[in-house]
C-alpha atoms as a PDB file:
ATOM      1  CA  MET A   1      67.630 130.949 131.767  1.00  0.00           C
ATOM      2  CA  SER A   2      64.321 129.058 131.752  1.00  0.00           C
ATOM      3  CA  TYR A   3      64.026 125.633 133.296  1.00  0.00           C
ATOM      4  CA  THR A   4      63.653 124.046 129.871  1.00  0.00           C
ATOM      5  CA  ALA A   5      66.691 125.765 128.457  1.00  0.00           C
ATOM      6  CA  GLU A   6      68.730 124.986 131.569  1.00  0.00           C
ATOM      7  CA  ALA A   7      67.758 121.339 131.395  1.00  0.00           C
ATOM      8  CA  HIS A   8      68.681 121.216 127.723  1.00  0.00           C
ATOM      9  CA  GLN A   9      72.083 122.758 128.382  1.00  0.00           C
ATOM     10  CA  HIS A  10      72.713 120.238 131.212  1.00  0.00           C
ATOM     11  CA  ASP A  11      71.761 117.399 128.859  1.00  0.00           C
ATOM     12  CA  LYS A  12      74.249 118.598 126.255  1.00  0.00           C
ATOM     13  CA  ILE A  13      77.009 118.824 128.839  1.00  0.00           C
ATOM     14  CA  SER A  14      76.188 115.337 130.137  1.00  0.00           C
ATOM     15  CA  LYS A  15      76.251 113.780 126.649  1.00  0.00           C
ATOM     16  CA  THR A  16      79.605 115.450 125.838  1.00  0.00           C
ATOM     17  CA  ALA A  17      81.067 114.155 129.050  1.00  0.00           C
ATOM     18  CA  VAL A  18      79.849 110.593 128.288  1.00  0.00           C
ATOM     19  CA  ARG A  19      81.371 110.714 124.777  1.00  0.00           C
ATOM     20  CA  LYS A  20      84.743 111.852 126.160  1.00  0.00           C
ATOM     21  CA  ALA A  21      84.667 109.139 128.812  1.00  0.00           C
ATOM     22  CA  THR A  22      83.628 106.282 126.495  1.00  0.00           C
ATOM     23  CA  THR A  23      85.410 107.001 123.192  1.00  0.00           C
ATOM     24  CA  ARG A  24      89.044 106.505 122.459  1.00  0.00           C
ATOM     25  CA  PRO A  25      91.128 109.035 120.468  1.00  0.00           C
ATOM     26  CA  VAL A  26      91.006 108.598 116.721  1.00  0.00           C
ATOM     27  CA  ASP A  27      94.026 106.848 115.377  1.00  0.00           C
ATOM     28  CA  LEU A  28      96.398 109.079 113.340  1.00  0.00           C
ATOM     29  CA  LYS A  29      98.843 106.797 111.736  1.00  0.00           C
ATOM     30  CA  LEU A  30     101.827 108.296 109.917  1.00  0.00           C
ATOM     31  CA  GLU A  31     101.595 106.537 106.550  1.00  0.00           C
ATOM     32  CA  VAL A  32     103.833 108.262 104.064  1.00  0.00           C
ATOM     33  CA  VAL A  33     106.724 110.807 104.003  1.00  0.00           C
ATOM     34  CA  ALA A  34     107.353 112.646 100.722  1.00  0.00           C
ATOM     35  CA  ILE A  35     110.972 113.080  99.693  1.00  0.00           C
ATOM     36  CA  PRO A  36     112.145 115.404  96.906  1.00  0.00           C
ATOM     37  CA  VAL A  37     114.188 113.923  94.044  1.00  0.00           C
ATOM     38  CA  SER A  38     115.483 115.337  90.740  1.00  0.00           C
ATOM     39  CA  ASP A  39     115.434 112.130  88.699  1.00  0.00           C
ATOM     40  CA  VAL A  40     112.488 109.824  89.496  1.00  0.00           C
ATOM     41  CA  ASP A  41     113.835 106.771  87.676  1.00  0.00           C
ATOM     42  CA  ARG A  42     117.262 107.082  89.291  1.00  0.00           C
ATOM     43  CA  ALA A  43     115.645 107.310  92.778  1.00  0.00           C
ATOM     44  CA  LYS A  44     113.419 104.328  91.853  1.00  0.00           C
ATOM     45  CA  ASN A  45     116.436 102.210  90.908  1.00  0.00           C
ATOM     46  CA  PHE A  46     118.264 103.245  94.131  1.00  0.00           C
ATOM     47  CA  TYR A  47     115.457 102.365  96.551  1.00  0.00           C
ATOM     48  CA  GLY A  48     114.495  99.249  94.642  1.00  0.00           C
ATOM     49  CA  GLY A  49     118.133  98.197  94.750  1.00  0.00           C
ATOM     50  CA  LEU A  50     118.084  98.464  98.532  1.00  0.00           C
ATOM     51  CA  GLY A  51     115.406  95.778  98.540  1.00  0.00           C
ATOM     52  CA  TRP A  52     112.603  98.060  99.568  1.00  0.00           C
ATOM     53  CA  ARG A  53     109.143  97.064  98.405  1.00  0.00           C
ATOM     54  CA  LEU A  54     107.733  98.910  95.406  1.00  0.00           C
ATOM     55  CA  ASP A  55     104.096  99.585  96.170  1.00  0.00           C
ATOM     56  CA  ALA A  56     103.090 101.862  93.368  1.00  0.00           C
ATOM     57  CA  ASP A  57     104.272 103.781  90.312  1.00  0.00           C
ATOM     58  CA  PHE A  58     101.368 105.843  88.977  1.00  0.00           C
ATOM     59  CA  VAL A  59     101.642 108.329  86.075  1.00  0.00           C
ATOM     60  CA  VAL A  60      98.957 110.928  85.236  1.00  0.00           C
ATOM     61  CA  GLY A  61      99.858 112.893  82.130  1.00  0.00           C
ATOM     62  CA  ASP A  62     103.157 114.737  81.929  1.00  0.00           C
ATOM     63  CA  THR A  63     102.979 116.552  85.274  1.00  0.00           C
ATOM     64  CA  PHE A  64     102.221 113.971  87.863  1.00  0.00           C
ATOM     65  CA  ARG A  65     103.899 110.717  88.904  1.00  0.00           C
ATOM     66  CA  VAL A  66     103.974 109.072  92.333  1.00  0.00           C
ATOM     67  CA  VAL A  67     106.288 106.223  93.301  1.00  0.00           C
ATOM     68  CA  GLN A  68     105.911 104.557  96.679  1.00  0.00           C
ATOM     69  CA  PHE A  69     108.433 102.354  98.418  1.00  0.00           C
ATOM     70  CA  THR A  70     108.260 100.689 101.879  1.00  0.00           C
ATOM     71  CA  PRO A  71     111.422  99.737 103.797  1.00  0.00           C
ATOM     72  CA  PRO A  72     111.446  96.088 105.077  1.00  0.00           C
ATOM     73  CA  GLY A  73     109.362  95.680 108.239  1.00  0.00           C
ATOM     74  CA  SER A  74     108.217  99.320 108.184  1.00  0.00           C
ATOM     75  CA  PRO A  75     104.573 100.434 108.700  1.00  0.00           C
ATOM     76  CA  GLY A  76     105.370 103.698 106.943  1.00  0.00           C
ATOM     77  CA  SER A  77     106.393 104.409 103.333  1.00  0.00           C
ATOM     78  CA  ILE A  78     108.023 107.098 101.181  1.00  0.00           C
ATOM     79  CA  HIS A  79     106.681 108.923  98.183  1.00  0.00           C
ATOM     80  CA  PHE A  80     108.601 110.680  95.403  1.00  0.00           C
ATOM     81  CA  GLY A  81     107.938 111.612  91.842  1.00  0.00           C
ATOM     82  CA  LYS A  82     106.562 114.613  89.849  1.00  0.00           C
ATOM     83  CA  GLY A  83     104.106 117.036  91.307  1.00  0.00           C
ATOM     84  CA  ILE A  84     104.611 115.528  94.776  1.00  0.00           C
ATOM     85  CA  THR A  85     106.540 118.288  96.640  1.00  0.00           C
ATOM     86  CA  ALA A  86     108.011 121.685  95.910  1.00  0.00           C
ATOM     87  CA  ALA A  87     110.935 121.125  98.219  1.00  0.00           C
ATOM     88  CA  ALA A  88     114.435 121.164  96.718  1.00  0.00           C
ATOM     89  CA  PRO A  89     115.813 117.751  95.738  1.00  0.00           C
ATOM     90  CA  GLY A  90     117.998 116.383  98.535  1.00  0.00           C
ATOM     91  CA  SER A  91     116.581 118.670 101.185  1.00  0.00           C
ATOM     92  CA  ALA A  92     114.995 115.862 103.221  1.00  0.00           C
ATOM     93  CA  GLN A  93     117.329 115.161 106.161  1.00  0.00           C
ATOM     94  CA  GLY A  94     117.146 113.175 109.335  1.00  0.00           C
ATOM     95  CA  LEU A  95     114.896 110.433 108.003  1.00  0.00           C
ATOM     96  CA  PHE A  96     115.069 107.778 110.783  1.00  0.00           C
ATOM     97  CA  LEU A  97     115.223 104.066 110.149  1.00  0.00           C
ATOM     98  CA  VAL A  98     114.980 102.152 113.384  1.00  0.00           C
ATOM     99  CA  VAL A  99     116.870  98.872 113.512  1.00  0.00           C
ATOM    100  CA  SER A 100     117.366  96.201 116.156  1.00  0.00           C
ATOM    101  CA  ASP A 101     120.947  95.338 115.011  1.00  0.00           C
ATOM    102  CA  ILE A 102     122.763  98.339 113.545  1.00  0.00           C
ATOM    103  CA  GLU A 103     125.844  96.378 112.388  1.00  0.00           C
ATOM    104  CA  ALA A 104     123.673  93.860 110.551  1.00  0.00           C
ATOM    105  CA  ALA A 105     121.511  96.583 109.019  1.00  0.00           C
ATOM    106  CA  ARG A 106     124.612  98.486 107.853  1.00  0.00           C
ATOM    107  CA  ALA A 107     126.098  95.404 106.278  1.00  0.00           C
ATOM    108  CA  GLU A 108     122.871  94.623 104.386  1.00  0.00           C
ATOM    109  CA  LEU A 109     122.520  98.151 103.070  1.00  0.00           C
ATOM    110  CA  ILE A 110     126.122  98.139 101.905  1.00  0.00           C
ATOM    111  CA  ALA A 111     125.531  94.789 100.156  1.00  0.00           C
ATOM    112  CA  HIS A 112     122.671  96.447  98.279  1.00  0.00           C
ATOM    113  CA  GLY A 113     124.778  99.343  97.108  1.00  0.00           C
ATOM    114  CA  ALA A 114     124.303 102.008  99.780  1.00  0.00           C
ATOM    115  CA  ASP A 115     127.274 104.085 100.931  1.00  0.00           C
ATOM    116  CA  VAL A 116     126.751 103.773 104.686  1.00  0.00           C
ATOM    117  CA  SER A 117     128.902 105.605 107.238  1.00  0.00           C
ATOM    118  CA  ASN A 118     130.738 103.772 110.028  1.00  0.00           C
ATOM    119  CA  VAL A 119     128.649 103.169 113.117  1.00  0.00           C
ATOM    120  CA  PHE A 120     128.976 105.889 115.811  1.00  0.00           C
ATOM    121  CA  HIS A 121     127.339 106.684 119.108  1.00  0.00           C
ATOM    122  CA  ARG A 122     126.758 109.696 121.400  1.00  0.00           C
ATOM    123  CA  ALA A 123     127.302 109.699 125.127  1.00  0.00           C
ATOM    124  CA  GLY A 124     124.114 111.799 125.514  1.00  0.00           C
ATOM    125  CA  PRO A 125     121.766 114.097 123.581  1.00  0.00           C
ATOM    126  CA  GLY A 126     123.682 116.774 121.691  1.00  0.00           C
ATOM    127  CA  GLN A 127     127.065 115.224 122.560  1.00  0.00           C
ATOM    128  CA  PRO A 128     129.834 114.738 119.944  1.00  0.00           C
ATOM    129  CA  ALA A 129     129.858 111.589 117.873  1.00  0.00           C
ATOM    130  CA  ILE A 130     132.104 108.812 119.076  1.00  0.00           C
ATOM    131  CA  GLY A 131     133.286 106.058 116.719  1.00  0.00           C
ATOM    132  CA  GLY A 132     131.723 102.608 117.100  1.00  0.00           C
ATOM    133  CA  ARG A 133     128.539 101.131 118.538  1.00  0.00           C
ATOM    134  CA  ASP A 134     127.662 102.138 122.057  1.00  0.00           C
ATOM    135  CA  PRO A 135     129.760  99.824 124.270  1.00  0.00           C
ATOM    136  CA  GLU A 136     126.916  99.387 126.740  1.00  0.00           C
ATOM    137  CA  GLY A 137     124.468  98.443 123.929  1.00  0.00           C
ATOM    138  CA  ARG A 138     121.973 101.135 124.999  1.00  0.00           C
ATOM    139  CA  SER A 139     119.055 101.927 122.828  1.00  0.00           C
ATOM    140  CA  TYR A 140     118.661 105.261 120.959  1.00  0.00           C
ATOM    141  CA  VAL A 141     122.377 106.120 120.966  1.00  0.00           C
ATOM    142  CA  SER A 142     124.027 104.115 118.165  1.00  0.00           C
ATOM    143  CA  TYR A 143     123.742 105.451 114.591  1.00  0.00           C
ATOM    144  CA  ALA A 144     124.920 105.191 111.006  1.00  0.00           C
ATOM    145  CA  THR A 145     124.022 107.409 108.025  1.00  0.00           C
ATOM    146  CA  PHE A 146     123.608 107.180 104.249  1.00  0.00           C
ATOM    147  CA  SER A 147     122.078 109.231 101.472  1.00  0.00           C
ATOM    148  CA  ASP A 148     120.206 108.636  98.283  1.00  0.00           C
ATOM    149  CA  PRO A 149     121.612 109.950  94.941  1.00  0.00           C
ATOM    150  CA  ASP A 150     120.010 113.364  95.527  1.00  0.00           C
ATOM    151  CA  GLY A 151     121.475 113.724  99.025  1.00  0.00           C
ATOM    152  CA  ASN A 152     118.311 113.008 101.028  1.00  0.00           C
ATOM    153  CA  GLY A 153     119.761 111.885 104.346  1.00  0.00           C
ATOM    154  CA  TRP A 154     118.856 108.700 106.230  1.00  0.00           C
ATOM    155  CA  LEU A 155     119.819 107.863 109.775  1.00  0.00           C
ATOM    156  CA  LEU A 156     119.985 104.339 111.120  1.00  0.00           C
ATOM    157  CA  GLN A 157     119.173 104.207 114.872  1.00  0.00           C
ATOM    158  CA  GLU A 158     119.527 101.074 116.936  1.00  0.00           C
ATOM    159  CA  ILE A 159     116.639 100.564 119.367  1.00  0.00           C
ATOM    160  CA  THR A 160     116.010  97.275 121.243  1.00  0.00           C
ATOM    161  CA  ALA A 161     114.193  98.655 124.304  1.00  0.00           C
ATOM    162  CA  ARG A 162     111.727 101.511 124.072  1.00  0.00           C
ATOM    163  CA  LEU A 163     111.452 104.369 126.519  1.00  0.00           C
ATOM    164  CA  PRO A 164     108.493 104.011 128.910  1.00  0.00           C
ATOM    165  CA  GLY A 165     105.165 104.997 127.361  1.00  0.00           C
ATOM    166  CA  ARG A 166     106.279 104.528 123.788  1.00  0.00           C
ATOM    167  CA  ILE A 167     104.651 101.036 123.400  1.00  0.00           C
ATOM    168  CA  ASP A 168     101.359  99.665 124.604  1.00  0.00           C
ATOM    169  CA  SER A 169     102.239  98.062 127.924  1.00  0.00           C
ATOM    170  CA  ASN A 170      99.481  95.402 127.447  1.00  0.00           C
ATOM    171  CA  GLY A 171     101.436  93.458 124.840  1.00  0.00           C
ATOM    172  CA  ALA A 172     104.372  93.325 122.393  1.00  0.00           C
ATOM    173  CA  SER A 173     104.293  93.418 118.642  1.00  0.00           C
ATOM    174  CA  TYR A 174     107.019  93.158 116.012  1.00  0.00           C
ATOM    175  CA  ALA A 175     107.103  94.621 112.573  1.00  0.00           C
ATOM    176  CA  SER A 176     108.948  91.736 110.952  1.00  0.00           C
ATOM    177  CA  GLU A 177     110.247  88.245 111.482  1.00  0.00           C
ATOM    178  CA  ALA A 178     113.750  89.706 111.759  1.00  0.00           C
ATOM    179  CA  ASP A 179     112.744  91.998 114.636  1.00  0.00           C
ATOM    180  CA  LEU A 180     111.036  89.071 116.421  1.00  0.00           C
ATOM    181  CA  ALA A 181     114.097  86.856 115.964  1.00  0.00           C
ATOM    182  CA  ALA A 182     116.411  89.559 117.289  1.00  0.00           C
ATOM    183  CA  ALA A 183     114.183  90.038 120.340  1.00  0.00           C
ATOM    184  CA  MET A 184     114.182  86.314 120.981  1.00  0.00           C
ATOM    185  CA  ARG A 185     117.968  86.174 120.729  1.00  0.00           C
ATOM    186  CA  ARG A 186     118.295  89.008 123.327  1.00  0.00           C
ATOM    187  CA  ALA A 187     115.832  87.144 125.587  1.00  0.00           C
ATOM    188  CA  SER A 188     117.821  83.979 125.166  1.00  0.00           C
ATOM    189  CA  VAL A 189     121.069  85.624 126.258  1.00  0.00           C
ATOM    190  CA  ALA A 190     119.342  87.288 129.267  1.00  0.00           C
ATOM    191  CA  HIS A 191     117.637  84.003 130.200  1.00  0.00           C
ATOM    192  CA  GLY A 192     120.994  82.227 130.174  1.00  0.00           C
ATOM    193  CA  GLU A 193     122.269  84.804 132.694  1.00  0.00           C
ATOM    194  CA  HIS A 194     119.085  84.308 134.679  1.00  0.00           C
ATOM    195  CA  GLU A 195     119.710  80.553 134.908  1.00  0.00           C
ATOM    196  CA  GLN A 196     123.304  81.134 136.007  1.00  0.00           C
ATOM    197  CA  ARG A 197     122.157  83.414 138.809  1.00  0.00           C
ATOM    198  CA  ASN A 198     119.897  80.568 139.955  1.00  0.00           C
ATOM    199  CA  GLY A 199     122.537  77.933 140.256  1.00  0.00           C
ATOM    200  CA  GLY A 200     122.677  76.884 136.640  1.00  0.00           C
ATOM    201  CA  LEU A 201     119.430  74.940 136.924  1.00  0.00           C
ATOM    202  CA  ARG A 202     117.285  74.620 133.811  1.00  0.00           C
ATOM    203  CA  ASP A 203     114.246  76.882 133.947  1.00  0.00           C
ATOM    204  CA  GLU A 204     111.313  74.756 132.773  1.00  0.00           C
ATOM    205  CA  ASN A 205     109.169  77.879 132.559  1.00  0.00           C
ATOM    206  CA  TRP A 206     111.458  79.573 130.038  1.00  0.00           C
ATOM    207  CA  PRO A 207     108.628  80.387 127.584  1.00  0.00           C
ATOM    208  CA  ASP A 208     106.907  82.478 130.265  1.00  0.00           C
ATOM    209  CA  TRP A 209     110.199  84.156 131.112  1.00  0.00           C
ATOM    210  CA  TYR A 210     110.899  84.940 127.442  1.00  0.00           C
ATOM    211  CA  ALA A 211     107.400  86.422 127.087  1.00  0.00           C
ATOM    212  CA  ALA A 212     107.737  88.613 130.142  1.00  0.00           C
ATOM    213  CA  TYR A 213     111.202  89.800 129.085  1.00  0.00           C
ATOM    214  CA  MET A 214     110.155  90.638 125.499  1.00  0.00           C
ATOM    215  CA  ALA A 215     106.987  92.441 126.621  1.00  0.00           C
ATOM    216  CA  ALA A 216     108.854  94.456 129.270  1.00  0.00           C
ATOM    217  CA  GLU A 217     111.621  95.333 126.778  1.00  0.00           C
ATOM    218  CA  GLN A 218     109.203  96.763 124.238  1.00  0.00           C
ATOM    219  CA  ALA A 219     107.179  98.653 126.893  1.00  0.00           C
ATOM    220  CA  GLY A 220     110.291 100.172 128.482  1.00  0.00           C
ATOM    221  CA  LYS A 221     109.594  98.470 131.814  1.00  0.00           C
ATOM    222  CA  PRO A 222     112.154  96.983 134.205  1.00  0.00           C
ATOM    223  CA  LEU A 223     113.445  93.685 132.737  1.00  0.00           C
ATOM    224  CA  PRO A 224     112.982  90.468 134.684  1.00  0.00           C
ATOM    225  CA  GLN A 225     116.077  89.126 136.393  1.00  0.00           C
END
């Protein structure tokens, strides 16, 4: 290799290394999941009846129609309609809806017409279902299920504290007012226990304690005591 060619190759390698070191990965945000339905208007009435936000209902001729709904507080949405997917109606299963209070979420869905199962939990991954919410209140292990009119299956999963690495450790964010309120209630209970451990004295720095607790809970870090 000539000196000029060698220098050029070295320059290319150096520029590539700089780009890798100074640029962050491109965001890939899951925006929409397509679900197969047999009757578009029936599905529209069902999801609208749940209180989900109707974002779009576009019709193009006789062969294409897209309806988009977004569950409350969700960054992602669902699509269904005509010409959307070739999958068999009702074949979408295991669609997760994460909630901070599974009993409250179940009650609200039932009030909006959904046939929701009783709450159950699992002692561990792959373990048999046990009736009732997890007695220890652990995240990821309490569930309830329901289906739309075609049989597409939804799974409620209660999560209040994320596993480590799932949330940016530099801060906490909440998808809705309800999620924020639930997090503040959990922090309030934990802070009351914190004050009791410290002789029952009022903690004048409770806002800082709440903030640390809520950020740690979302990031999956050890909670302050």
